[in-house]
PDB file of all heavy atoms in Angstrom:
ATOM      1  N   LEU A   1       7.314  53.231  10.569  1.00  0.00           N
ATOM      2  CA  LEU A   1       6.293  53.835  11.423  1.00  0.00           C
ATOM      3  C   LEU A   1       6.725  53.666  12.866  1.00  0.00           C
ATOM      4  O   LEU A   1       6.987  52.551  13.318  1.00  0.00           O
ATOM      5  CB  LEU A   1       4.929  53.173  11.212  1.00  0.00           C
ATOM      6  CG  LEU A   1       3.805  53.646  12.135  1.00  0.00           C
ATOM      7  CD1 LEU A   1       3.448  55.099  11.845  1.00  0.00           C
ATOM      8  CD2 LEU A   1       2.571  52.752  12.005  1.00  0.00           C
ATOM      9  N   LEU A   2       6.803  54.783  13.600  1.00  0.00           N
ATOM     10  CA  LEU A   2       7.154  54.763  15.018  1.00  0.00           C
ATOM     11  C   LEU A   2       5.926  55.158  15.820  1.00  0.00           C
ATOM     12  O   LEU A   2       5.340  56.226  15.597  1.00  0.00           O
ATOM     13  CB  LEU A   2       8.304  55.730  15.306  1.00  0.00           C
ATOM     14  CG  LEU A   2       9.599  55.473  14.524  1.00  0.00           C
ATOM     15  CD1 LEU A   2       9.779  56.550  13.462  1.00  0.00           C
ATOM     16  CD2 LEU A   2      10.797  55.444  15.455  1.00  0.00           C
ATOM     17  N   THR A   3       5.535  54.309  16.757  1.00  0.00           N
ATOM     18  CA  THR A   3       4.326  54.533  17.546  1.00  0.00           C
ATOM     19  C   THR A   3       4.677  54.570  19.033  1.00  0.00           C
ATOM     20  O   THR A   3       5.256  53.611  19.556  1.00  0.00           O
ATOM     21  CB  THR A   3       3.284  53.428  17.294  1.00  0.00           C
ATOM     22  OG1 THR A   3       3.003  53.355  15.895  1.00  0.00           O
ATOM     23  CG2 THR A   3       2.004  53.708  18.062  1.00  0.00           C
ATOM     24  N   GLU A   4       4.314  55.650  19.685  1.00  0.00           N
ATOM     25  CA  GLU A   4       4.521  55.762  21.139  1.00  0.00           C
ATOM     26  C   GLU A   4       3.548  54.847  21.863  1.00  0.00           C
ATOM     27  O   GLU A   4       2.355  54.795  21.531  1.00  0.00           O
ATOM     28  CB  GLU A   4       4.279  57.196  21.600  1.00  0.00           C
ATOM     29  CG  GLU A   4       5.442  58.130  21.437  1.00  0.00           C
ATOM     30  CD  GLU A   4       5.181  59.460  22.117  1.00  0.00           C
ATOM     31  OE1 GLU A   4       4.037  59.952  22.049  1.00  0.00           O
ATOM     32  OE2 GLU A   4       6.120  60.018  22.717  1.00  0.00           O
ATOM     33  N   THR A   5       4.035  54.140  22.857  1.00  0.00           N
ATOM     34  CA  THR A   5       3.171  53.291  23.670  1.00  0.00           C
ATOM     35  C   THR A   5       2.912  53.957  25.023  1.00  0.00           C
ATOM     36  O   THR A   5       3.618  54.874  25.425  1.00  0.00           O
ATOM     37  CB  THR A   5       3.805  51.907  23.890  1.00  0.00           C
ATOM     38  OG1 THR A   5       4.990  52.050  24.677  1.00  0.00           O
ATOM     39  CG2 THR A   5       4.159  51.258  22.562  1.00  0.00           C
ATOM     40  N   ASP A   6       1.917  53.458  25.716  1.00  0.00           N
ATOM     41  CA  ASP A   6       1.548  54.061  27.002  1.00  0.00           C
ATOM     42  C   ASP A   6       2.640  53.930  28.053  1.00  0.00           C
ATOM     43  O   ASP A   6       2.702  54.719  28.994  1.00  0.00           O
ATOM     44  CB  ASP A   6       0.259  53.425  27.529  1.00  0.00           C
ATOM     45  CG  ASP A   6      -0.955  53.803  26.696  1.00  0.00           C
ATOM     46  OD1 ASP A   6      -0.915  54.874  26.040  1.00  0.00           O
ATOM     47  OD2 ASP A   6      -1.935  53.038  26.689  1.00  0.00           O
ATOM     48  N   ASP A   7       3.502  52.928  27.902  1.00  0.00           N
ATOM     49  CA  ASP A   7       4.539  52.721  28.917  1.00  0.00           C
ATOM     50  C   ASP A   7       5.858  53.416  28.576  1.00  0.00           C
ATOM     51  O   ASP A   7       6.888  53.145  29.196  1.00  0.00           O
ATOM     52  CB  ASP A   7       4.782  51.220  29.134  1.00  0.00           C
ATOM     53  CG  ASP A   7       5.251  50.505  27.873  1.00  0.00           C
ATOM     54  OD1 ASP A   7       5.476  51.188  26.843  1.00  0.00           O
ATOM     55  OD2 ASP A   7       5.386  49.272  27.912  1.00  0.00           O
ATOM     56  N   GLY A   8       5.829  54.304  27.569  1.00  0.00           N
ATOM     57  CA  GLY A   8       7.016  55.081  27.253  1.00  0.00           C
ATOM     58  C   GLY A   8       7.956  54.466  26.242  1.00  0.00           C
ATOM     59  O   GLY A   8       9.004  55.046  25.934  1.00  0.00           O
ATOM     60  N   HIS A   9       7.607  53.302  25.703  1.00  0.00           N
ATOM     61  CA  HIS A   9       8.420  52.690  24.663  1.00  0.00           C
ATOM     62  C   HIS A   9       7.972  53.179  23.291  1.00  0.00           C
ATOM     63  O   HIS A   9       6.968  53.888  23.158  1.00  0.00           O
ATOM     64  CB  HIS A   9       8.332  51.164  24.735  1.00  0.00           C
ATOM     65  CG  HIS A   9       9.007  50.584  25.929  1.00  0.00           C
ATOM     66  ND1 HIS A   9       8.362  50.406  27.148  1.00  0.00           N
ATOM     67  CD2 HIS A   9      10.268  50.139  26.118  1.00  0.00           C
ATOM     68  CE1 HIS A   9       9.206  49.882  28.026  1.00  0.00           C
ATOM     69  NE2 HIS A   9      10.370  49.707  27.420  1.00  0.00           N
ATOM     70  N   VAL A  10       8.702  52.779  22.286  1.00  0.00           N
ATOM     71  CA  VAL A  10       8.369  53.138  20.910  1.00  0.00           C
ATOM     72  C   VAL A  10       8.335  51.857  20.087  1.00  0.00           C
ATOM     73  O   VAL A  10       9.335  51.144  19.995  1.00  0.00           O
ATOM     74  CB  VAL A  10       9.402  54.116  20.303  1.00  0.00           C
ATOM     75  CG1 VAL A  10       9.041  54.426  18.850  1.00  0.00           C
ATOM     76  CG2 VAL A  10       9.465  55.397  21.123  1.00  0.00           C
ATOM     77  N   ARG A  11       7.182  51.552  19.530  1.00  0.00           N
ATOM     78  CA  ARG A  11       7.042  50.374  18.681  1.00  0.00           C
ATOM     79  C   ARG A  11       7.369  50.781  17.243  1.00  0.00           C
ATOM     80  O   ARG A  11       6.845  51.769  16.722  1.00  0.00           O
ATOM     81  CB  ARG A  11       5.626  49.817  18.762  1.00  0.00           C
ATOM     82  CG  ARG A  11       5.464  48.449  18.130  1.00  0.00           C
ATOM     83  CD  ARG A  11       4.091  47.881  18.329  1.00  0.00           C
ATOM     84  NE  ARG A  11       3.074  48.693  17.676  1.00  0.00           N
ATOM     85  CZ  ARG A  11       2.226  49.472  18.303  1.00  0.00           C
ATOM     86  NH1 ARG A  11       2.246  49.570  19.614  1.00  0.00           N
ATOM     87  NH2 ARG A  11       1.330  50.174  17.629  1.00  0.00           N
ATOM     88  N   VAL A  12       8.243  50.028  16.608  1.00  0.00           N
ATOM     89  CA  VAL A  12       8.718  50.351  15.264  1.00  0.00           C
ATOM     90  C   VAL A  12       8.275  49.276  14.286  1.00  0.00           C
ATOM     91  O   VAL A  12       8.500  48.083  14.517  1.00  0.00           O
ATOM     92  CB  VAL A  12      10.259  50.473  15.237  1.00  0.00           C
ATOM     93  CG1 VAL A  12      10.740  50.815  13.823  1.00  0.00           C
ATOM     94  CG2 VAL A  12      10.735  51.524  16.228  1.00  0.00           C
ATOM     95  N   SER A  13       7.633  49.695  13.205  1.00  0.00           N
ATOM     96  CA  SER A  13       7.266  48.794  12.116  1.00  0.00           C
ATOM     97  C   SER A  13       8.022  49.240  10.874  1.00  0.00           C
ATOM     98  O   SER A  13       8.088  50.436  10.583  1.00  0.00           O
ATOM     99  CB  SER A  13       5.758  48.848  11.847  1.00  0.00           C
ATOM    100  OG  SER A  13       5.019  48.441  12.978  1.00  0.00           O
ATOM    101  N   VAL A  14       8.585  48.282  10.154  1.00  0.00           N
ATOM    102  CA  VAL A  14       9.391  48.592   8.971  1.00  0.00           C
ATOM    103  C   VAL A  14       8.931  47.722   7.806  1.00  0.00           C
ATOM    104  O   VAL A  14       8.733  46.521   7.966  1.00  0.00           O
ATOM    105  CB  VAL A  14      10.896  48.360   9.217  1.00  0.00           C
ATOM    106  CG1 VAL A  14      11.722  48.979   8.094  1.00  0.00           C
ATOM    107  CG2 VAL A  14      11.334  48.920  10.562  1.00  0.00           C
ATOM    108  N   ARG A  15       8.778  48.347   6.648  1.00  0.00           N
ATOM    109  CA  ARG A  15       8.423  47.630   5.435  1.00  0.00           C
ATOM    110  C   ARG A  15       9.352  48.069   4.308  1.00  0.00           C
ATOM    111  O   ARG A  15       9.833  49.196   4.297  1.00  0.00           O
ATOM    112  CB  ARG A  15       6.971  47.918   5.021  1.00  0.00           C
ATOM    113  CG  ARG A  15       5.930  47.533   6.061  1.00  0.00           C
ATOM    114  CD  ARG A  15       5.813  46.044   6.228  1.00  0.00           C
ATOM    115  NE  ARG A  15       4.737  45.700   7.140  1.00  0.00           N
ATOM    116  CZ  ARG A  15       4.878  45.576   8.461  1.00  0.00           C
ATOM    117  NH1 ARG A  15       6.064  45.768   9.019  1.00  0.00           N
ATOM    118  NH2 ARG A  15       3.854  45.261   9.211  1.00  0.00           N
ATOM    119  N   ALA A  16       9.586  47.183   3.349  1.00  0.00           N
ATOM    120  CA  ALA A  16      10.441  47.505   2.216  1.00  0.00           C
ATOM    121  C   ALA A  16       9.873  46.880   0.953  1.00  0.00           C
ATOM    122  O   ALA A  16       9.135  45.894   1.001  1.00  0.00           O
ATOM    123  CB  ALA A  16      11.862  47.008   2.454  1.00  0.00           C
ATOM    124  N   LYS A  17      10.206  47.484  -0.171  1.00  0.00           N
ATOM    125  CA  LYS A  17       9.772  46.953  -1.458  1.00  0.00           C
ATOM    126  C   LYS A  17      10.699  45.841  -1.940  1.00  0.00           C
ATOM    127  O   LYS A  17      10.305  45.010  -2.752  1.00  0.00           O
ATOM    128  CB  LYS A  17       9.736  48.063  -2.502  1.00  0.00           C
ATOM    129  CG  LYS A  17       8.650  49.105  -2.294  1.00  0.00           C
ATOM    130  CD  LYS A  17       8.730  50.192  -3.360  1.00  0.00           C
ATOM    131  CE  LYS A  17       7.640  51.225  -3.181  1.00  0.00           C
ATOM    132  NZ  LYS A  17       7.769  52.338  -4.156  1.00  0.00           N
ATOM    133  N   GLY A  18      11.926  45.856  -1.486  1.00  0.00           N
ATOM    134  CA  GLY A  18      12.892  44.858  -1.924  1.00  0.00           C
ATOM    135  C   GLY A  18      14.296  45.428  -1.879  1.00  0.00           C
ATOM    136  O   GLY A  18      14.488  46.649  -1.872  1.00  0.00           O
ATOM    137  N   GLY A  19      15.277  44.542  -1.839  1.00  0.00           N
ATOM    138  CA  GLY A  19      16.662  44.982  -1.846  1.00  0.00           C
ATOM    139  C   GLY A  19      17.207  45.377  -0.492  1.00  0.00           C
ATOM    140  O   GLY A  19      18.384  45.713  -0.371  1.00  0.00           O
ATOM    141  N   ILE A  20      16.354  45.372   0.549  1.00  0.00           N
ATOM    142  CA  ILE A  20      16.767  45.731   1.901  1.00  0.00           C
ATOM    143  C   ILE A  20      16.257  44.663   2.849  1.00  0.00           C
ATOM    144  O   ILE A  20      15.085  44.285   2.793  1.00  0.00           O
ATOM    145  CB  ILE A  20      16.189  47.097   2.334  1.00  0.00           C
ATOM    146  CG1 ILE A  20      16.493  48.169   1.289  1.00  0.00           C
ATOM    147  CG2 ILE A  20      16.735  47.519   3.694  1.00  0.00           C
ATOM    148  CD1 ILE A  20      15.636  49.402   1.436  1.00  0.00           C
ATOM    149  N   ASP A  21      17.126  44.185   3.711  1.00  0.00           N
ATOM    150  CA  ASP A  21      16.723  43.181   4.700  1.00  0.00           C
ATOM    151  C   ASP A  21      16.329  43.905   5.983  1.00  0.00           C
ATOM    152  O   ASP A  21      17.160  44.167   6.847  1.00  0.00           O
ATOM    153  CB  ASP A  21      17.871  42.211   4.956  1.00  0.00           C
ATOM    154  CG  ASP A  21      17.474  41.065   5.883  1.00  0.00           C
ATOM    155  OD1 ASP A  21      16.334  41.075   6.387  1.00  0.00           O
ATOM    156  OD2 ASP A  21      18.301  40.165   6.089  1.00  0.00           O
ATOM    157  N   VAL A  22      15.041  44.247   6.108  1.00  0.00           N
ATOM    158  CA  VAL A  22      14.613  44.999   7.283  1.00  0.00           C
ATOM    159  C   VAL A  22      14.566  44.115   8.526  1.00  0.00           C
ATOM    160  O   VAL A  22      14.577  44.623   9.649  1.00  0.00           O
ATOM    161  CB  VAL A  22      13.255  45.700   7.043  1.00  0.00           C
ATOM    162  CG1 VAL A  22      13.367  46.700   5.908  1.00  0.00           C
ATOM    163  CG2 VAL A  22      12.147  44.702   6.765  1.00  0.00           C
ATOM    164  N   ALA A  23      14.532  42.778   8.345  1.00  0.00           N
ATOM    165  CA  ALA A  23      14.594  41.899   9.509  1.00  0.00           C
ATOM    166  C   ALA A  23      15.931  42.055  10.220  1.00  0.00           C
ATOM    167  O   ALA A  23      15.996  42.041  11.458  1.00  0.00           O
ATOM    168  CB  ALA A  23      14.387  40.446   9.096  1.00  0.00           C
ATOM    169  N   ALA A  24      17.001  42.219   9.454  1.00  0.00           N
ATOM    170  CA  ALA A  24      18.321  42.423  10.050  1.00  0.00           C
ATOM    171  C   ALA A  24      18.374  43.722  10.828  1.00  0.00           C
ATOM    172  O   ALA A  24      19.005  43.805  11.890  1.00  0.00           O
ATOM    173  CB  ALA A  24      19.397  42.406   8.964  1.00  0.00           C
ATOM    174  N   VAL A  25      17.696  44.752  10.327  1.00  0.00           N
ATOM    175  CA  VAL A  25      17.631  46.032  11.051  1.00  0.00           C
ATOM    176  C   VAL A  25      16.855  45.847  12.345  1.00  0.00           C
ATOM    177  O   VAL A  25      17.281  46.292  13.416  1.00  0.00           O
ATOM    178  CB  VAL A  25      16.971  47.112  10.175  1.00  0.00           C
ATOM    179  CG1 VAL A  25      16.779  48.402  10.972  1.00  0.00           C
ATOM    180  CG2 VAL A  25      17.814  47.394   8.932  1.00  0.00           C
ATOM    181  N   ALA A  26      15.708  45.175  12.270  1.00  0.00           N
ATOM    182  CA  ALA A  26      14.894  44.959  13.465  1.00  0.00           C
ATOM    183  C   ALA A  26      15.646  44.148  14.511  1.00  0.00           C
ATOM    184  O   ALA A  26      15.516  44.396  15.720  1.00  0.00           O
ATOM    185  CB  ALA A  26      13.583  44.272  13.089  1.00  0.00           C
ATOM    186  N   GLN A  27      16.440  43.185  14.066  1.00  0.00           N
ATOM    187  CA  GLN A  27      17.190  42.353  15.006  1.00  0.00           C
ATOM    188  C   GLN A  27      18.209  43.161  15.790  1.00  0.00           C
ATOM    189  O   GLN A  27      18.538  42.803  16.921  1.00  0.00           O
ATOM    190  CB  GLN A  27      17.861  41.212  14.243  1.00  0.00           C
ATOM    191  CG  GLN A  27      16.891  40.116  13.818  1.00  0.00           C
ATOM    192  CD  GLN A  27      17.517  39.103  12.879  1.00  0.00           C
ATOM    193  OE1 GLN A  27      18.645  39.261  12.423  1.00  0.00           O
ATOM    194  NE2 GLN A  27      16.775  38.043  12.580  1.00  0.00           N
ATOM    195  N   ARG A  28      18.690  44.240  15.229  1.00  0.00           N
ATOM    196  CA  ARG A  28      19.628  45.104  15.952  1.00  0.00           C
ATOM    197  C   ARG A  28      18.995  45.691  17.203  1.00  0.00           C
ATOM    198  O   ARG A  28      19.677  46.046  18.164  1.00  0.00           O
ATOM    199  CB  ARG A  28      20.111  46.247  15.052  1.00  0.00           C
ATOM    200  CG  ARG A  28      21.014  45.821  13.921  1.00  0.00           C
ATOM    201  CD  ARG A  28      21.497  47.002  13.118  1.00  0.00           C
ATOM    202  NE  ARG A  28      22.125  48.032  13.941  1.00  0.00           N
ATOM    203  CZ  ARG A  28      22.652  49.144  13.444  1.00  0.00           C
ATOM    204  NH1 ARG A  28      22.626  49.389  12.135  1.00  0.00           N
ATOM    205  NH2 ARG A  28      23.203  50.038  14.261  1.00  0.00           N
ATOM    206  N   PHE A  29      17.659  45.775  17.183  1.00  0.00           N
ATOM    207  CA  PHE A  29      16.933  46.367  18.305  1.00  0.00           C
ATOM    208  C   PHE A  29      16.118  45.327  19.078  1.00  0.00           C
ATOM    209  O   PHE A  29      15.179  45.652  19.800  1.00  0.00           O
ATOM    210  CB  PHE A  29      16.010  47.476  17.787  1.00  0.00           C
ATOM    211  CG  PHE A  29      16.729  48.560  17.025  1.00  0.00           C
ATOM    212  CD1 PHE A  29      16.568  48.689  15.653  1.00  0.00           C
ATOM    213  CD2 PHE A  29      17.586  49.429  17.677  1.00  0.00           C
ATOM    214  CE1 PHE A  29      17.229  49.675  14.941  1.00  0.00           C
ATOM    215  CE2 PHE A  29      18.259  50.419  16.986  1.00  0.00           C
ATOM    216  CZ  PHE A  29      18.087  50.545  15.609  1.00  0.00           C
ATOM    217  N   GLY A  30      16.476  44.060  18.906  1.00  0.00           N
ATOM    218  CA  GLY A  30      15.796  43.000  19.647  1.00  0.00           C
ATOM    219  C   GLY A  30      14.514  42.519  19.025  1.00  0.00           C
ATOM    220  O   GLY A  30      13.765  41.763  19.657  1.00  0.00           O
ATOM    221  N   GLY A  31      14.238  42.943  17.787  1.00  0.00           N
ATOM    222  CA  GLY A  31      13.023  42.516  17.107  1.00  0.00           C
ATOM    223  C   GLY A  31      13.323  41.507  16.029  1.00  0.00           C
ATOM    224  O   GLY A  31      14.314  40.791  16.080  1.00  0.00           O
ATOM    225  N   GLY A  32      12.471  41.466  15.018  1.00  0.00           N
ATOM    226  CA  GLY A  32      12.666  40.532  13.924  1.00  0.00           C
ATOM    227  C   GLY A  32      11.451  40.471  13.040  1.00  0.00           C
ATOM    228  O   GLY A  32      10.578  41.335  13.091  1.00  0.00           O
ATOM    229  N   GLY A  33      11.408  39.427  12.209  1.00  0.00           N
ATOM    230  CA  GLY A  33      10.294  39.252  11.286  1.00  0.00           C
ATOM    231  C   GLY A  33      10.762  38.715   9.960  1.00  0.00           C
ATOM    232  O   GLY A  33      11.563  37.792   9.905  1.00  0.00           O
ATOM    233  N   HIS A  34      10.294  39.333   8.891  1.00  0.00           N
ATOM    234  CA  HIS A  34      10.638  38.922   7.541  1.00  0.00           C
ATOM    235  C   HIS A  34      11.582  39.939   6.905  1.00  0.00           C
ATOM    236  O   HIS A  34      11.706  41.074   7.369  1.00  0.00           O
ATOM    237  CB  HIS A  34       9.379  38.805   6.677  1.00  0.00           C
ATOM    238  CG  HIS A  34       8.379  37.834   7.204  1.00  0.00           C
ATOM    239  ND1 HIS A  34       8.591  36.474   7.206  1.00  0.00           N
ATOM    240  CD2 HIS A  34       7.155  38.025   7.752  1.00  0.00           C
ATOM    241  CE1 HIS A  34       7.522  35.865   7.720  1.00  0.00           C
ATOM    242  NE2 HIS A  34       6.651  36.785   8.067  1.00  0.00           N
ATOM    243  N   ALA A  35      12.187  39.546   5.796  1.00  0.00           N
ATOM    244  CA  ALA A  35      13.135  40.427   5.117  1.00  0.00           C
ATOM    245  C   ALA A  35      12.487  41.726   4.661  1.00  0.00           C
ATOM    246  O   ALA A  35      13.135  42.777   4.640  1.00  0.00           O
ATOM    247  CB  ALA A  35      13.756  39.705   3.922  1.00  0.00           C
TER     248      ALA A  35
END
């Protein structure tokens, strides 16, 4: 899910069922979280 913010940025939320480490993807863009 990509959400436009008022300051011109884009907030990205990522979820997976399994088999993909989305935390590693988020870290590429300065974010993070859970697998």
